[in-house]
Amino acid sequence: FISGGTGSFAKKFVMLLIKKKLAKKIIIFSRDEYKQLLMKELPFVKSNPSIFRFYIGDVRDKNRLEWAINDDIDVVVHSAALKQVPATEYNPFETVQTNILGTQNLIEVCINKNIDKIVLISTDKAVSPINLYGSTKLTAEKLFISANIFKGAKKTKFSVIRYGNVMGSRGSVIPIFFNQ
């Protein structure tokens, strides 16, 4: 199960899962039906249609998460977030709703469903954050780490992965450099 499943990270991650034959089923969860349509046309998806499920949904909607995360899921990768710094600064309430409350929703659903592993994809901007995006991702990280304590006897293991700017991803500085 991949939240933000049509984003730059998720597409590359899914391609790797397919290439290495590491998944029997992949659930793409995202709120953008157009990006889902485009993803369904990618060769690695078209050549493996039986393992893919696409769900429209938002991590802000806990009921939809409860419905989409079913009992045969063993790993959840949480890559859904508002990430563009100018947009997050201009829309702080929306950023908190998605990056913090959406993360909390996913944590609670995964604990209730007793999911084996859940991984948060975070950012280098969570280190000593100077903007809202970094602050919300730092908060999401702290929620994940704390979830290992408050999950009680449940088996769910929470992990965080941080990475920096990815060349060629949406919002990457590389196209700006080329244009200059």
Foldseek 3Di string as FASTA:
>chain_A
DEEVCLFPVNLVVVVVCLVVVPAQADEYEEQDVVSVVVSCPDPSCVVPVVRYDYDHDALLDLVVLLVRDDLVAQEYEYEDADADQVVCQVVVVVRCSRLPVSLVSNLVSCLVSLHQEYEYEAEPCLVVHPGSRNVSRVNSQVVQVCSVVPSPPRNYHGYYDYDYADPPGVVHCVVVVVVD
